[in-house]
């Protein structure tokens, strides 16, 4: 009976490459998941429509092993709200789910524009049986600030009016 050792060594030689292949990258490491990272951080937000008056504070953190961004907004009056923002690989777009302390829920979706700004749209019930369209665009600036422009439309996007302009400036480290 021939020795089995050479056959075993040969079988191991051919099978090892199948096990040695690189593991797939972590679930949310594709570049699309980093498109909104310019918004990460602790921010003081000035009201761009009110001559730089402080509108509130916002903190954006990475959560869910880097698969989402969590926002915690506190306005100058102390009311707060939270959002969860995530890139949906299947739909190839970003989604935001916002809930404010006033009970308002807003769902937005969109993506990164060619100019580097993140743009999302959604609708809110208008209280009269219809809906008001919402459009929010976050634009990163060379100085590290971010401008958030929020527009609304009562005629399904035929015309837009500005609801809020926030100028985000990074808070000094403690």
Foldseek 3Di string as FASTA:
>chain_A
DDDCVVVVVVVCVVPVVVVPDDDDDPPQPPVQLCLPVLPAAKWFKAWPVPVRHTQWIKHWDQDPVSFWIKIWTATPVGWIKIKIWGQDPVVRKIWIWIATPVGFTWIWIGGADPQSKGKIKTWGDPVPRRIKIKIWIWAADPVSKIKIWIWIHPPVPPDIDTDTIIIIDHDDDD
